[in-house]
Amino acid sequence: MTPYEEIESLADLLPDEGEKVTISRQHGELIVEATTAQKQQFDQAIVQERLLIAKQRVAEETLLGHLIEANERLQSYSLKSFLFTVITAYASCLLVNYYSNFSTFTWAVDIGIALFFLAGYLLNERSELKKRFVYQVCPPLDKVLMERNIDKYQLLGIMKSHADLTPLARAISRWTR
């Protein structure tokens, strides 16, 4: 007898419509077992757990979206100030070179000017970054974290697996209590 014929011969052993059975092979013979209510509850629990995992995954993706938005907000202004610093330093070097008739000593002054503007840029950028974080990034992020009941350390743990969120993670660890 082929396996299909064996299953067909077991068809008359099937319970009424709506009930479940399990067909298994033990020692070469097919065995039909009615599914108990306990197993049905177990199956329902598995389905509910899968739905819960799917909902959590969506919630994690939503949280990740909020974190990416906060990270972008934190980094959005730095390019403008950097370009302003470079252009100002370049213009200052041009003025020094123009008024000193392009002497050899002027190149040393140009390096000093560039370092001065670089130091000023770094100090200004750090303070602006902190202001942006405290006043523009923290309030919406705090709201999302309160809704999800996530504390700072859980958030840092979540962000650890996403390398692109490193600037935001640094800001959170530096400027929050």
C-alpha atoms as a PDB file:
ATOM      1  CA  MET A   1       0.000   0.000   0.000  1.00  0.00           C
ATOM      2  CA  THR A   2       1.326   3.472  -0.893  1.00  0.00           C
ATOM      3  CA  PRO A   3       1.272   6.275   1.684  1.00  0.00           C
ATOM      4  CA  TYR A   4      -1.552   7.991  -0.198  1.00  0.00           C
ATOM      5  CA  GLU A   5      -3.666   4.842  -0.130  1.00  0.00           C
ATOM      6  CA  GLU A   6      -3.005   4.480   3.590  1.00  0.00           C
ATOM      7  CA  ILE A   7      -4.243   8.043   4.181  1.00  0.00           C
ATOM      8  CA  GLU A   8      -7.346   7.380   2.090  1.00  0.00           C
ATOM      9  CA  SER A   9      -8.084   4.265   4.121  1.00  0.00           C
ATOM     10  CA  LEU A  10      -7.890   6.372   7.280  1.00  0.00           C
ATOM     11  CA  ALA A  11     -10.485   8.824   5.926  1.00  0.00           C
ATOM     12  CA  ASP A  12     -13.339   6.936   7.548  1.00  0.00           C
ATOM     13  CA  LEU A  13     -11.643   7.459  10.925  1.00  0.00           C
ATOM     14  CA  LEU A  14     -11.745  11.246  10.562  1.00  0.00           C
ATOM     15  CA  PRO A  15     -13.944  13.059  13.107  1.00  0.00           C
ATOM     16  CA  ASP A  16     -16.862  15.313  12.348  1.00  0.00           C
ATOM     17  CA  GLU A  17     -16.451  18.517  10.399  1.00  0.00           C
ATOM     18  CA  GLY A  18     -14.557  21.273  12.251  1.00  0.00           C
ATOM     19  CA  GLU A  19     -12.497  18.946  14.414  1.00  0.00           C
ATOM     20  CA  LYS A  20      -8.777  18.507  13.913  1.00  0.00           C
ATOM     21  CA  VAL A  21      -6.705  15.355  13.655  1.00  0.00           C
ATOM     22  CA  THR A  22      -3.003  14.626  13.606  1.00  0.00           C
ATOM     23  CA  ILE A  23      -1.667  11.915  11.337  1.00  0.00           C
ATOM     24  CA  SER A  24       1.754  10.598  12.242  1.00  0.00           C
ATOM     25  CA  ARG A  25       3.863   7.587  11.376  1.00  0.00           C
ATOM     26  CA  GLN A  26       5.131   5.403  14.207  1.00  0.00           C
ATOM     27  CA  HIS A  27       7.092   2.227  13.512  1.00  0.00           C
ATOM     28  CA  GLY A  28       5.970   2.249   9.891  1.00  0.00           C
ATOM     29  CA  GLU A  29       2.231   2.598  10.592  1.00  0.00           C
ATOM     30  CA  LEU A  30       0.041   5.673  10.199  1.00  0.00           C
ATOM     31  CA  ILE A  31      -1.685   6.739  13.393  1.00  0.00           C
ATOM     32  CA  VAL A  32      -4.623   9.147  13.533  1.00  0.00           C
ATOM     33  CA  GLU A  33      -5.083  11.130  16.739  1.00  0.00           C
ATOM     34  CA  ALA A  34      -7.833  13.612  17.451  1.00  0.00           C
ATOM     35  CA  THR A  35      -6.501  17.020  18.412  1.00  0.00           C
ATOM     36  CA  THR A  36      -7.397  17.865  21.968  1.00  0.00           C
ATOM     37  CA  ALA A  37      -8.749  21.176  23.170  1.00  0.00           C
ATOM     38  CA  GLN A  38      -5.476  21.734  24.996  1.00  0.00           C
ATOM     39  CA  LYS A  39      -3.522  21.431  21.753  1.00  0.00           C
ATOM     40  CA  GLN A  40      -5.966  23.791  20.042  1.00  0.00           C
ATOM     41  CA  GLN A  41      -5.395  26.322  22.819  1.00  0.00           C
ATOM     42  CA  PHE A  42      -1.652  25.848  22.390  1.00  0.00           C
ATOM     43  CA  ASP A  43      -1.982  26.487  18.652  1.00  0.00           C
ATOM     44  CA  GLN A  44      -4.040  29.609  19.354  1.00  0.00           C
ATOM     45  CA  ALA A  45      -1.389  30.794  21.815  1.00  0.00           C
ATOM     46  CA  ILE A  46       1.289  30.344  19.155  1.00  0.00           C
ATOM     47  CA  VAL A  47      -0.759  32.376  16.679  1.00  0.00           C
ATOM     48  CA  GLN A  48      -1.283  35.130  19.267  1.00  0.00           C
ATOM     49  CA  GLU A  49       2.442  35.141  20.094  1.00  0.00           C
ATOM     50  CA  ARG A  50       3.306  35.514  16.413  1.00  0.00           C
ATOM     51  CA  LEU A  51       0.890  38.441  16.153  1.00  0.00           C
ATOM     52  CA  LEU A  52       2.477  40.039  19.232  1.00  0.00           C
ATOM     53  CA  ILE A  53       5.956  39.614  17.742  1.00  0.00           C
ATOM     54  CA  ALA A  54       4.753  41.223  14.507  1.00  0.00           C
ATOM     55  CA  LYS A  55       3.306  44.168  16.462  1.00  0.00           C
ATOM     56  CA  GLN A  56       6.555  44.552  18.417  1.00  0.00           C
ATOM     57  CA  ARG A  57       8.539  44.504  15.188  1.00  0.00           C
ATOM     58  CA  VAL A  58       6.358  47.304  13.805  1.00  0.00           C
ATOM     59  CA  ALA A  59       6.802  49.227  17.077  1.00  0.00           C
ATOM     60  CA  GLU A  60      10.597  48.761  16.859  1.00  0.00           C
ATOM     61  CA  GLU A  61      10.579  49.989  13.257  1.00  0.00           C
ATOM     62  CA  THR A  62       8.522  53.013  14.325  1.00  0.00           C
ATOM     63  CA  LEU A  63      10.959  53.734  17.153  1.00  0.00           C
ATOM     64  CA  LEU A  64      13.857  53.344  14.728  1.00  0.00           C
ATOM     65  CA  GLY A  65      12.154  55.839  12.418  1.00  0.00           C
ATOM     66  CA  HIS A  66      11.878  58.354  15.258  1.00  0.00           C
ATOM     67  CA  LEU A  67      15.542  57.798  16.157  1.00  0.00           C
ATOM     68  CA  ILE A  68      16.672  58.309  12.561  1.00  0.00           C
ATOM     69  CA  GLU A  69      14.631  61.506  12.397  1.00  0.00           C
ATOM     70  CA  ALA A  70      16.210  62.764  15.631  1.00  0.00           C
ATOM     71  CA  ASN A  71      19.677  61.884  14.333  1.00  0.00           C
ATOM     72  CA  GLU A  72      19.065  63.768  11.082  1.00  0.00           C
ATOM     73  CA  ARG A  73      17.736  66.753  12.998  1.00  0.00           C
ATOM     74  CA  LEU A  74      20.862  66.720  15.142  1.00  0.00           C
ATOM     75  CA  GLN A  75      23.235  66.653  12.175  1.00  0.00           C
ATOM     76  CA  SER A  76      21.353  68.902   9.756  1.00  0.00           C
ATOM     77  CA  TYR A  77      22.909  72.229  10.708  1.00  0.00           C
ATOM     78  CA  SER A  78      26.582  71.322  10.857  1.00  0.00           C
ATOM     79  CA  LEU A  79      27.251  71.629   7.103  1.00  0.00           C
ATOM     80  CA  LYS A  80      26.099  75.263   6.968  1.00  0.00           C
ATOM     81  CA  SER A  81      28.385  76.382   9.776  1.00  0.00           C
ATOM     82  CA  PHE A  82      31.311  74.408   8.353  1.00  0.00           C
ATOM     83  CA  LEU A  83      30.924  76.025   4.932  1.00  0.00           C
ATOM     84  CA  PHE A  84      30.635  79.459   6.538  1.00  0.00           C
ATOM     85  CA  THR A  85      33.853  78.831   8.499  1.00  0.00           C
ATOM     86  CA  VAL A  86      35.766  77.635   5.427  1.00  0.00           C
ATOM     87  CA  ILE A  87      34.647  80.577   3.304  1.00  0.00           C
ATOM     88  CA  THR A  88      35.451  83.084   6.055  1.00  0.00           C
ATOM     89  CA  ALA A  89      38.891  81.549   6.660  1.00  0.00           C
ATOM     90  CA  TYR A  90      39.615  81.574   2.924  1.00  0.00           C
ATOM     91  CA  ALA A  91      38.541  85.214   2.589  1.00  0.00           C
ATOM     92  CA  SER A  92      40.692  86.158   5.588  1.00  0.00           C
ATOM     93  CA  CYS A  93      43.717  84.423   4.062  1.00  0.00           C
ATOM     94  CA  LEU A  94      43.122  86.201   0.757  1.00  0.00           C
ATOM     95  CA  LEU A  95      42.960  89.573   2.515  1.00  0.00           C
ATOM     96  CA  VAL A  96      46.155  88.911   4.474  1.00  0.00           C
ATOM     97  CA  ASN A  97      47.945  87.789   1.319  1.00  0.00           C
ATOM     98  CA  TYR A  98      46.682  90.779  -0.661  1.00  0.00           C
ATOM     99  CA  TYR A  99      47.784  93.376   1.908  1.00  0.00           C
ATOM    100  CA  SER A 100      51.152  91.730   2.538  1.00  0.00           C
ATOM    101  CA  ASN A 101      52.001  91.497  -1.191  1.00  0.00           C
ATOM    102  CA  PHE A 102      52.132  87.673  -1.070  1.00  0.00           C
ATOM    103  CA  SER A 103      55.321  87.403   0.954  1.00  0.00           C
ATOM    104  CA  THR A 104      56.705  84.091   2.213  1.00  0.00           C
ATOM    105  CA  PHE A 105      55.843  84.941   5.818  1.00  0.00           C
ATOM    106  CA  THR A 106      52.181  85.231   4.872  1.00  0.00           C
ATOM    107  CA  TRP A 107      51.825  81.470   4.420  1.00  0.00           C
ATOM    108  CA  ALA A 108      52.655  80.954   8.087  1.00  0.00           C
ATOM    109  CA  VAL A 109      50.020  83.549   8.963  1.00  0.00           C
ATOM    110  CA  ASP A 110      47.550  81.726   6.695  1.00  0.00           C
ATOM    111  CA  ILE A 111      48.112  78.504   8.623  1.00  0.00           C
ATOM    112  CA  GLY A 112      47.559  80.381  11.893  1.00  0.00           C
ATOM    113  CA  ILE A 113      44.341  81.893  10.538  1.00  0.00           C
ATOM    114  CA  ALA A 114      43.114  78.488   9.395  1.00  0.00           C
ATOM    115  CA  LEU A 115      43.854  76.931  12.801  1.00  0.00           C
ATOM    116  CA  PHE A 116      42.173  79.850  14.576  1.00  0.00           C
ATOM    117  CA  PHE A 117      39.012  79.434  12.483  1.00  0.00           C
ATOM    118  CA  LEU A 118      39.093  75.646  12.920  1.00  0.00           C
ATOM    119  CA  ALA A 119      39.272  75.980  16.711  1.00  0.00           C
ATOM    120  CA  GLY A 120      36.460  78.537  16.653  1.00  0.00           C
ATOM    121  CA  TYR A 121      34.370  76.280  14.449  1.00  0.00           C
ATOM    122  CA  LEU A 122      34.856  73.267  16.723  1.00  0.00           C
ATOM    123  CA  LEU A 123      33.948  75.225  19.862  1.00  0.00           C
ATOM    124  CA  ASN A 124      30.925  76.798  18.212  1.00  0.00           C
ATOM    125  CA  GLU A 125      29.796  73.512  16.694  1.00  0.00           C
ATOM    126  CA  ARG A 126      29.937  71.727  20.048  1.00  0.00           C
ATOM    127  CA  SER A 127      27.833  74.382  21.791  1.00  0.00           C
ATOM    128  CA  GLU A 128      25.355  74.590  18.891  1.00  0.00           C
ATOM    129  CA  LEU A 129      25.065  70.806  18.821  1.00  0.00           C
ATOM    130  CA  LYS A 130      24.226  70.761  22.520  1.00  0.00           C
ATOM    131  CA  LYS A 131      21.629  73.529  22.091  1.00  0.00           C
ATOM    132  CA  ARG A 132      20.059  71.744  19.128  1.00  0.00           C
ATOM    133  CA  PHE A 133      19.958  68.484  21.046  1.00  0.00           C
ATOM    134  CA  VAL A 134      18.444  69.953  24.211  1.00  0.00           C
ATOM    135  CA  TYR A 135      15.827  72.177  22.548  1.00  0.00           C
ATOM    136  CA  GLN A 136      14.979  70.488  19.230  1.00  0.00           C
ATOM    137  CA  VAL A 137      15.803  66.790  19.495  1.00  0.00           C
ATOM    138  CA  CYS A 138      15.092  65.908  23.135  1.00  0.00           C
ATOM    139  CA  PRO A 139      11.439  67.025  23.496  1.00  0.00           C
ATOM    140  CA  PRO A 140       9.990  64.904  20.652  1.00  0.00           C
ATOM    141  CA  LEU A 141      12.288  61.991  21.488  1.00  0.00           C
ATOM    142  CA  ASP A 142      11.324  62.141  25.178  1.00  0.00           C
ATOM    143  CA  LYS A 143       7.663  62.035  24.188  1.00  0.00           C
ATOM    144  CA  VAL A 144       8.170  58.887  22.089  1.00  0.00           C
ATOM    145  CA  LEU A 145      10.204  57.221  24.841  1.00  0.00           C
ATOM    146  CA  MET A 146       7.550  57.987  27.475  1.00  0.00           C
ATOM    147  CA  GLU A 147       4.831  56.526  25.231  1.00  0.00           C
ATOM    148  CA  ARG A 148       6.807  53.309  24.866  1.00  0.00           C
ATOM    149  CA  ASN A 149       8.060  53.251  28.467  1.00  0.00           C
ATOM    150  CA  ILE A 150      11.730  53.060  27.417  1.00  0.00           C
ATOM    151  CA  ASP A 151      14.497  54.502  29.570  1.00  0.00           C
ATOM    152  CA  LYS A 152      17.815  56.010  28.461  1.00  0.00           C
ATOM    153  CA  TYR A 153      19.819  52.811  28.856  1.00  0.00           C
ATOM    154  CA  GLN A 154      17.359  50.660  26.930  1.00  0.00           C
ATOM    155  CA  LEU A 155      17.439  53.256  24.171  1.00  0.00           C
ATOM    156  CA  LEU A 156      21.241  53.207  24.058  1.00  0.00           C
ATOM    157  CA  GLY A 157      21.117  49.408  23.863  1.00  0.00           C
ATOM    158  CA  ILE A 158      18.728  49.587  20.919  1.00  0.00           C
ATOM    159  CA  MET A 159      20.898  52.180  19.189  1.00  0.00           C
ATOM    160  CA  LYS A 160      24.081  50.127  19.692  1.00  0.00           C
ATOM    161  CA  SER A 161      23.064  47.814  16.841  1.00  0.00           C
ATOM    162  CA  HIS A 162      22.692  50.746  14.402  1.00  0.00           C
ATOM    163  CA  ALA A 163      26.040  52.339  13.542  1.00  0.00           C
ATOM    164  CA  ASP A 164      24.420  55.248  11.719  1.00  0.00           C
ATOM    165  CA  LEU A 165      22.841  56.424  14.993  1.00  0.00           C
ATOM    166  CA  THR A 166      26.207  56.830  16.758  1.00  0.00           C
ATOM    167  CA  PRO A 167      26.108  60.675  16.837  1.00  0.00           C
ATOM    168  CA  LEU A 168      22.691  60.607  18.497  1.00  0.00           C
ATOM    169  CA  ALA A 169      23.826  57.942  20.972  1.00  0.00           C
ATOM    170  CA  ARG A 170      26.832  60.073  21.921  1.00  0.00           C
ATOM    171  CA  ALA A 171      24.636  63.124  22.408  1.00  0.00           C
ATOM    172  CA  ILE A 172      22.193  61.167  24.581  1.00  0.00           C
ATOM    173  CA  SER A 173      24.964  59.771  26.762  1.00  0.00           C
ATOM    174  CA  ARG A 174      26.669  63.190  27.100  1.00  0.00           C
ATOM    175  CA  TRP A 175      23.791  65.580  27.586  1.00  0.00           C
ATOM    176  CA  THR A 176      21.049  63.681  29.384  1.00  0.00           C
ATOM    177  CA  ARG A 177      20.747  62.701  33.013  1.00  0.00           C
END
